[in-house]
């Protein structure tokens, strides 16, 4: 998943995971802001979000790609 950082003060550009399906339980979106990677459930866009440091996101991706 390639993320472009949103400009400061603008709305984050959410990218849906290619593994997400419209009818399945796994619907993940991510967005990059200047100092964090945001992760949310695409079925609940107004719900809770994870905010990860870029280093934590980079460490997580290899783990997720093996699943």
PDB file of N, CA and C in Angstrom:
ATOM      1  N   UNK A   1       0.852  -1.160   0.000  1.00  0.00           N
ATOM      2  CA  UNK A   1       0.000   0.000   0.000  1.00  0.00           C
ATOM      3  C   UNK A   1       0.901   1.226   0.000  1.00  0.00           C
ATOM      4  N   UNK A   2       0.780   2.067  -0.995  1.00  0.00           N
ATOM      5  CA  UNK A   2       1.570   3.287  -1.084  1.00  0.00           C
ATOM      6  C   UNK A   2       0.716   4.466  -0.652  1.00  0.00           C
ATOM      7  N   UNK A   3       1.226   5.219   0.293  1.00  0.00           N
ATOM      8  CA  UNK A   3       0.484   6.356   0.819  1.00  0.00           C
ATOM      9  C   UNK A   3       1.208   7.648   0.498  1.00  0.00           C
ATOM     10  N   UNK A   4       0.452   8.664   0.073  1.00  0.00           N
ATOM     11  CA  UNK A   4       0.992  10.006  -0.112  1.00  0.00           C
ATOM     12  C   UNK A   4       0.588  10.821   1.101  1.00  0.00           C
ATOM     13  N   UNK A   5       1.506  11.606   1.619  1.00  0.00           N
ATOM     14  CA  UNK A   5       1.205  12.442   2.772  1.00  0.00           C
ATOM     15  C   UNK A   5       0.289  13.576   2.367  1.00  0.00           C
ATOM     16  N   UNK A   6      -0.784  13.765   3.139  1.00  0.00           N
ATOM     17  CA  UNK A   6      -1.701  14.872   2.919  1.00  0.00           C
ATOM     18  C   UNK A   6      -1.054  16.158   3.407  1.00  0.00           C
ATOM     19  N   UNK A   7      -1.366  17.249   2.753  1.00  0.00           N
ATOM     20  CA  UNK A   7      -0.848  18.538   3.175  1.00  0.00           C
ATOM     21  C   UNK A   7      -1.402  18.885   4.549  1.00  0.00           C
ATOM     22  N   UNK A   8      -0.622  19.595   5.319  1.00  0.00           N
ATOM     23  CA  UNK A   8      -1.048  19.978   6.663  1.00  0.00           C
ATOM     24  C   UNK A   8      -2.355  20.760   6.610  1.00  0.00           C
ATOM     25  N   UNK A   9      -3.297  20.375   7.463  1.00  0.00           N
ATOM     26  CA  UNK A   9      -4.569  21.062   7.532  1.00  0.00           C
ATOM     27  C   UNK A   9      -5.609  20.569   6.545  1.00  0.00           C
ATOM     28  N   UNK A  10      -5.241  19.696   5.634  1.00  0.00           N
ATOM     29  CA  UNK A  10      -6.215  19.184   4.672  1.00  0.00           C
ATOM     30  C   UNK A  10      -6.772  17.854   5.147  1.00  0.00           C
ATOM     31  N   UNK A  11      -7.814  17.413   4.505  1.00  0.00           N
ATOM     32  CA  UNK A  11      -8.432  16.131   4.834  1.00  0.00           C
ATOM     33  C   UNK A  11      -7.514  15.001   4.376  1.00  0.00           C
ATOM     34  N   UNK A  12      -7.290  13.987   5.228  1.00  0.00           N
ATOM     35  CA  UNK A  12      -6.428  12.866   4.817  1.00  0.00           C
ATOM     36  C   UNK A  12      -6.987  12.147   3.595  1.00  0.00           C
ATOM     37  N   UNK A  13      -6.105  11.669   2.736  1.00  0.00           N
ATOM     38  CA  UNK A  13      -6.501  10.867   1.573  1.00  0.00           C
ATOM     39  C   UNK A  13      -6.490   9.396   2.003  1.00  0.00           C
ATOM     40  N   UNK A  14      -7.678   8.838   2.184  1.00  0.00           N
ATOM     41  CA  UNK A  14      -7.792   7.451   2.631  1.00  0.00           C
ATOM     42  C   UNK A  14      -7.646   6.509   1.445  1.00  0.00           C
ATOM     43  N   UNK A  15      -6.831   5.484   1.618  1.00  0.00           N
ATOM     44  CA  UNK A  15      -6.591   4.464   0.596  1.00  0.00           C
ATOM     45  C   UNK A  15      -7.077   3.128   1.156  1.00  0.00           C
ATOM     46  N   UNK A  16      -7.945   2.460   0.403  1.00  0.00           N
ATOM     47  CA  UNK A  16      -8.476   1.161   0.839  1.00  0.00           C
ATOM     48  C   UNK A  16      -7.479   0.063   0.468  1.00  0.00           C
ATOM     49  N   UNK A  17      -7.258  -0.844   1.386  1.00  0.00           N
ATOM     50  CA  UNK A  17      -6.365  -1.963   1.146  1.00  0.00           C
ATOM     51  C   UNK A  17      -6.860  -2.793  -0.028  1.00  0.00           C
ATOM     52  N   UNK A  18      -5.936  -3.277  -0.837  1.00  0.00           N
ATOM     53  CA  UNK A  18      -6.309  -4.129  -1.965  1.00  0.00           C
ATOM     54  C   UNK A  18      -6.849  -5.475  -1.483  1.00  0.00           C
ATOM     55  N   UNK A  19      -6.614  -5.816  -0.229  1.00  0.00           N
ATOM     56  CA  UNK A  19      -7.132  -7.059   0.333  1.00  0.00           C
ATOM     57  C   UNK A  19      -8.541  -6.897   0.881  1.00  0.00           C
ATOM     58  N   UNK A  20      -9.024  -5.682   0.976  1.00  0.00           N
ATOM     59  CA  UNK A  20     -10.369  -5.439   1.477  1.00  0.00           C
ATOM     60  C   UNK A  20     -11.390  -5.738   0.393  1.00  0.00           C
ATOM     61  N   UNK A  21     -12.512  -6.265   0.814  1.00  0.00           N
ATOM     62  CA  UNK A  21     -13.608  -6.520  -0.111  1.00  0.00           C
ATOM     63  C   UNK A  21     -14.831  -5.751   0.362  1.00  0.00           C
ATOM     64  N   UNK A  22     -15.705  -5.421  -0.543  1.00  0.00           N
ATOM     65  CA  UNK A  22     -16.878  -4.626  -0.175  1.00  0.00           C
ATOM     66  C   UNK A  22     -17.855  -5.400   0.705  1.00  0.00           C
ATOM     67  N   UNK A  23     -17.846  -6.718   0.620  1.00  0.00           N
ATOM     68  CA  UNK A  23     -18.808  -7.504   1.387  1.00  0.00           C
ATOM     69  C   UNK A  23     -18.167  -8.320   2.508  1.00  0.00           C
ATOM     70  N   UNK A  24     -16.868  -8.175   2.700  1.00  0.00           N
ATOM     71  CA  UNK A  24     -16.187  -8.992   3.696  1.00  0.00           C
ATOM     72  C   UNK A  24     -15.949  -8.272   5.004  1.00  0.00           C
ATOM     73  N   UNK A  25     -15.451  -9.001   5.981  1.00  0.00           N
ATOM     74  CA  UNK A  25     -15.217  -8.408   7.294  1.00  0.00           C
ATOM     75  C   UNK A  25     -13.926  -7.587   7.371  1.00  0.00           C
ATOM     76  N   UNK A  26     -13.051  -7.739   6.396  1.00  0.00           N
ATOM     77  CA  UNK A  26     -11.748  -7.077   6.442  1.00  0.00           C
ATOM     78  C   UNK A  26     -11.740  -5.859   5.532  1.00  0.00           C
ATOM     79  N   UNK A  27     -12.061  -4.716   6.083  1.00  0.00           N
ATOM     80  CA  UNK A  27     -12.113  -3.479   5.303  1.00  0.00           C
ATOM     81  C   UNK A  27     -11.252  -2.442   5.990  1.00  0.00           C
ATOM     82  N   UNK A  28     -10.018  -2.319   5.537  1.00  0.00           N
ATOM     83  CA  UNK A  28      -9.050  -1.431   6.165  1.00  0.00           C
ATOM     84  C   UNK A  28      -8.673  -0.325   5.207  1.00  0.00           C
ATOM     85  N   UNK A  29      -8.593   0.898   5.748  1.00  0.00           N
ATOM     86  CA  UNK A  29      -8.119   2.046   4.994  1.00  0.00           C
ATOM     87  C   UNK A  29      -6.996   2.701   5.781  1.00  0.00           C
ATOM     88  N   UNK A  30      -6.072   3.319   5.070  1.00  0.00           N
ATOM     89  CA  UNK A  30      -4.961   4.023   5.702  1.00  0.00           C
ATOM     90  C   UNK A  30      -4.776   5.368   5.018  1.00  0.00           C
ATOM     91  N   UNK A  31      -4.257   6.319   5.776  1.00  0.00           N
ATOM     92  CA  UNK A  31      -3.966   7.648   5.254  1.00  0.00           C
ATOM     93  C   UNK A  31      -2.708   8.167   5.939  1.00  0.00           C
ATOM     94  N   UNK A  32      -1.913   8.908   5.210  1.00  0.00           N
ATOM     95  CA  UNK A  32      -0.695   9.498   5.772  1.00  0.00           C
ATOM     96  C   UNK A  32      -0.924  10.978   6.032  1.00  0.00           C
ATOM     97  N   UNK A  33      -0.574  11.402   7.233  1.00  0.00           N
ATOM     98  CA  UNK A  33      -0.533  12.819   7.563  1.00  0.00           C
ATOM     99  C   UNK A  33       0.925  13.115   7.904  1.00  0.00           C
ATOM    100  N   UNK A  34       1.322  14.353   8.071  1.00  0.00           N
ATOM    101  CA  UNK A  34       2.752  14.646   8.184  1.00  0.00           C
ATOM    102  C   UNK A  34       3.553  13.804   9.175  1.00  0.00           C
ATOM    103  N   UNK A  35       3.011  13.453  10.337  1.00  0.00           N
ATOM    104  CA  UNK A  35       3.827  12.719  11.304  1.00  0.00           C
ATOM    105  C   UNK A  35       3.215  11.399  11.759  1.00  0.00           C
ATOM    106  N   UNK A  36       2.166  10.941  11.098  1.00  0.00           N
ATOM    107  CA  UNK A  36       1.480   9.710  11.495  1.00  0.00           C
ATOM    108  C   UNK A  36       0.861   9.007  10.295  1.00  0.00           C
ATOM    109  N   UNK A  37       0.647   7.710  10.463  1.00  0.00           N
ATOM    110  CA  UNK A  37      -0.153   6.930   9.528  1.00  0.00           C
ATOM    111  C   UNK A  37      -1.449   6.600  10.265  1.00  0.00           C
ATOM    112  N   UNK A  38      -2.570   6.957   9.669  1.00  0.00           N
ATOM    113  CA  UNK A  38      -3.874   6.693  10.264  1.00  0.00           C
ATOM    114  C   UNK A  38      -4.447   5.423   9.650  1.00  0.00           C
ATOM    115  N   UNK A  39      -5.098   4.611  10.462  1.00  0.00           N
ATOM    116  CA  UNK A  39      -5.721   3.364  10.010  1.00  0.00           C
ATOM    117  C   UNK A  39      -7.137   3.336  10.569  1.00  0.00           C
ATOM    118  N   UNK A  40      -8.105   2.957   9.719  1.00  0.00           N
ATOM    119  CA  UNK A  40      -9.498   2.885  10.157  1.00  0.00           C
ATOM    120  C   UNK A  40     -10.223   1.747   9.448  1.00  0.00           C
ATOM    121  N   UNK A  41     -11.387   1.420   9.972  1.00  0.00           N
ATOM    122  CA  UNK A  41     -12.295   0.441   9.371  1.00  0.00           C
ATOM    123  C   UNK A  41     -13.126   1.190   8.331  1.00  0.00           C
ATOM    124  N   UNK A  42     -13.047   0.808   7.079  1.00  0.00           N
ATOM    125  CA  UNK A  42     -13.757   1.532   6.027  1.00  0.00           C
ATOM    126  C   UNK A  42     -15.277   1.431   6.158  1.00  0.00           C
ATOM    127  N   UNK A  43     -15.761   0.431   6.895  1.00  0.00           N
ATOM    128  CA  UNK A  43     -17.205   0.321   7.106  1.00  0.00           C
ATOM    129  C   UNK A  43     -17.690   1.303   8.166  1.00  0.00           C
ATOM    130  N   UNK A  44     -16.764   1.888   8.910  1.00  0.00           N
ATOM    131  CA  UNK A  44     -17.100   2.826   9.977  1.00  0.00           C
ATOM    132  C   UNK A  44     -16.143   4.027   9.907  1.00  0.00           C
ATOM    133  N   UNK A  45     -16.216   4.832   8.838  1.00  0.00           N
ATOM    134  CA  UNK A  45     -15.234   5.898   8.648  1.00  0.00           C
ATOM    135  C   UNK A  45     -15.230   6.960   9.739  1.00  0.00           C
ATOM    136  N   UNK A  46     -16.319   7.125  10.461  1.00  0.00           N
ATOM    137  CA  UNK A  46     -16.347   8.095  11.551  1.00  0.00           C
ATOM    138  C   UNK A  46     -15.942   7.508  12.890  1.00  0.00           C
ATOM    139  N   UNK A  47     -15.633   6.232  12.904  1.00  0.00           N
ATOM    140  CA  UNK A  47     -15.288   5.537  14.143  1.00  0.00           C
ATOM    141  C   UNK A  47     -13.843   5.741  14.554  1.00  0.00           C
ATOM    142  N   UNK A  48     -13.382   4.897  15.467  1.00  0.00           N
ATOM    143  CA  UNK A  48     -12.019   5.030  15.986  1.00  0.00           C
ATOM    144  C   UNK A  48     -10.970   4.830  14.894  1.00  0.00           C
ATOM    145  N   UNK A  49      -9.831   5.459  15.121  1.00  0.00           N
ATOM    146  CA  UNK A  49      -8.696   5.343  14.202  1.00  0.00           C
ATOM    147  C   UNK A  49      -7.443   5.039  15.002  1.00  0.00           C
ATOM    148  N   UNK A  50      -6.563   4.290  14.402  1.00  0.00           N
ATOM    149  CA  UNK A  50      -5.235   4.110  14.968  1.00  0.00           C
ATOM    150  C   UNK A  50      -4.339   5.180  14.368  1.00  0.00           C
ATOM    151  N   UNK A  51      -3.446   5.720  15.159  1.00  0.00           N
ATOM    152  CA  UNK A  51      -2.454   6.679  14.678  1.00  0.00           C
ATOM    153  C   UNK A  51      -1.086   6.088  14.992  1.00  0.00           C
ATOM    154  N   UNK A  52      -0.363   5.717  13.944  1.00  0.00           N
ATOM    155  CA  UNK A  52       0.922   5.049  14.109  1.00  0.00           C
ATOM    156  C   UNK A  52       2.066   5.941  13.640  1.00  0.00           C
ATOM    157  N   UNK A  53       3.183   5.837  14.341  1.00  0.00           N
ATOM    158  CA  UNK A  53       4.398   6.499  13.863  1.00  0.00           C
ATOM    159  C   UNK A  53       4.806   5.823  12.558  1.00  0.00           C
ATOM    160  N   UNK A  54       5.396   6.557  11.627  1.00  0.00           N
ATOM    161  CA  UNK A  54       5.815   5.931  10.366  1.00  0.00           C
ATOM    162  C   UNK A  54       6.720   4.716  10.558  1.00  0.00           C
ATOM    163  N   UNK A  55       7.568   4.726  11.579  1.00  0.00           N
ATOM    164  CA  UNK A  55       8.441   3.568  11.826  1.00  0.00           C
ATOM    165  C   UNK A  55       7.630   2.349  12.264  1.00  0.00           C
ATOM    166  N   UNK A  56       6.581   2.569  13.057  1.00  0.00           N
ATOM    167  CA  UNK A  56       5.718   1.449  13.472  1.00  0.00           C
ATOM    168  C   UNK A  56       4.964   0.888  12.273  1.00  0.00           C
ATOM    169  N   UNK A  57       4.488   1.747  11.394  1.00  0.00           N
ATOM    170  CA  UNK A  57       3.790   1.314  10.180  1.00  0.00           C
ATOM    171  C   UNK A  57       4.732   0.490   9.300  1.00  0.00           C
ATOM    172  N   UNK A  58       5.958   0.982   9.128  1.00  0.00           N
ATOM    173  CA  UNK A  58       6.939   0.269   8.296  1.00  0.00           C
ATOM    174  C   UNK A  58       7.265  -1.100   8.888  1.00  0.00           C
ATOM    175  N   UNK A  59       7.317  -1.207  10.206  1.00  0.00           N
ATOM    176  CA  UNK A  59       7.584  -2.490  10.848  1.00  0.00           C
ATOM    177  C   UNK A  59       6.387  -3.436  10.732  1.00  0.00           C
ATOM    178  N   UNK A  60       5.173  -2.895  10.708  1.00  0.00           N
ATOM    179  CA  UNK A  60       3.957  -3.699  10.626  1.00  0.00           C
ATOM    180  C   UNK A  60       3.732  -4.290   9.233  1.00  0.00           C
ATOM    181  N   UNK A  61       4.068  -3.571   8.188  1.00  0.00           N
ATOM    182  CA  UNK A  61       3.749  -4.012   6.824  1.00  0.00           C
ATOM    183  C   UNK A  61       4.295  -5.391   6.463  1.00  0.00           C
ATOM    184  N   UNK A  62       5.558  -5.721   6.753  1.00  0.00           N
ATOM    185  CA  UNK A  62       6.012  -7.080   6.428  1.00  0.00           C
ATOM    186  C   UNK A  62       5.204  -8.163   7.154  1.00  0.00           C
ATOM    187  N   UNK A  63       4.839  -7.901   8.405  1.00  0.00           N
ATOM    188  CA  UNK A  63       4.011  -8.850   9.156  1.00  0.00           C
ATOM    189  C   UNK A  63       2.657  -9.034   8.461  1.00  0.00           C
ATOM    190  N   UNK A  64       2.016  -7.937   8.112  1.00  0.00           N
ATOM    191  CA  UNK A  64       0.684  -8.001   7.487  1.00  0.00           C
ATOM    192  C   UNK A  64       0.742  -8.668   6.113  1.00  0.00           C
ATOM    193  N   UNK A  65       1.802  -8.465   5.392  1.00  0.00           N
ATOM    194  CA  UNK A  65       1.872  -9.039   4.037  1.00  0.00           C
ATOM    195  C   UNK A  65       2.021 -10.570   4.062  1.00  0.00           C
ATOM    196  N   UNK A  66       2.434 -11.118   5.186  1.00  0.00           N
ATOM    197  CA  UNK A  66       2.547 -12.574   5.314  1.00  0.00           C
ATOM    198  C   UNK A  66       1.233 -13.216   5.721  1.00  0.00           C
ATOM    199  N   UNK A  67       0.222 -12.459   6.042  1.00  0.00           N
ATOM    200  CA  UNK A  67      -1.056 -12.981   6.521  1.00  0.00           C
ATOM    201  C   UNK A  67      -2.040 -13.129   5.406  1.00  0.00           C
TER     202      UNK A  67
END
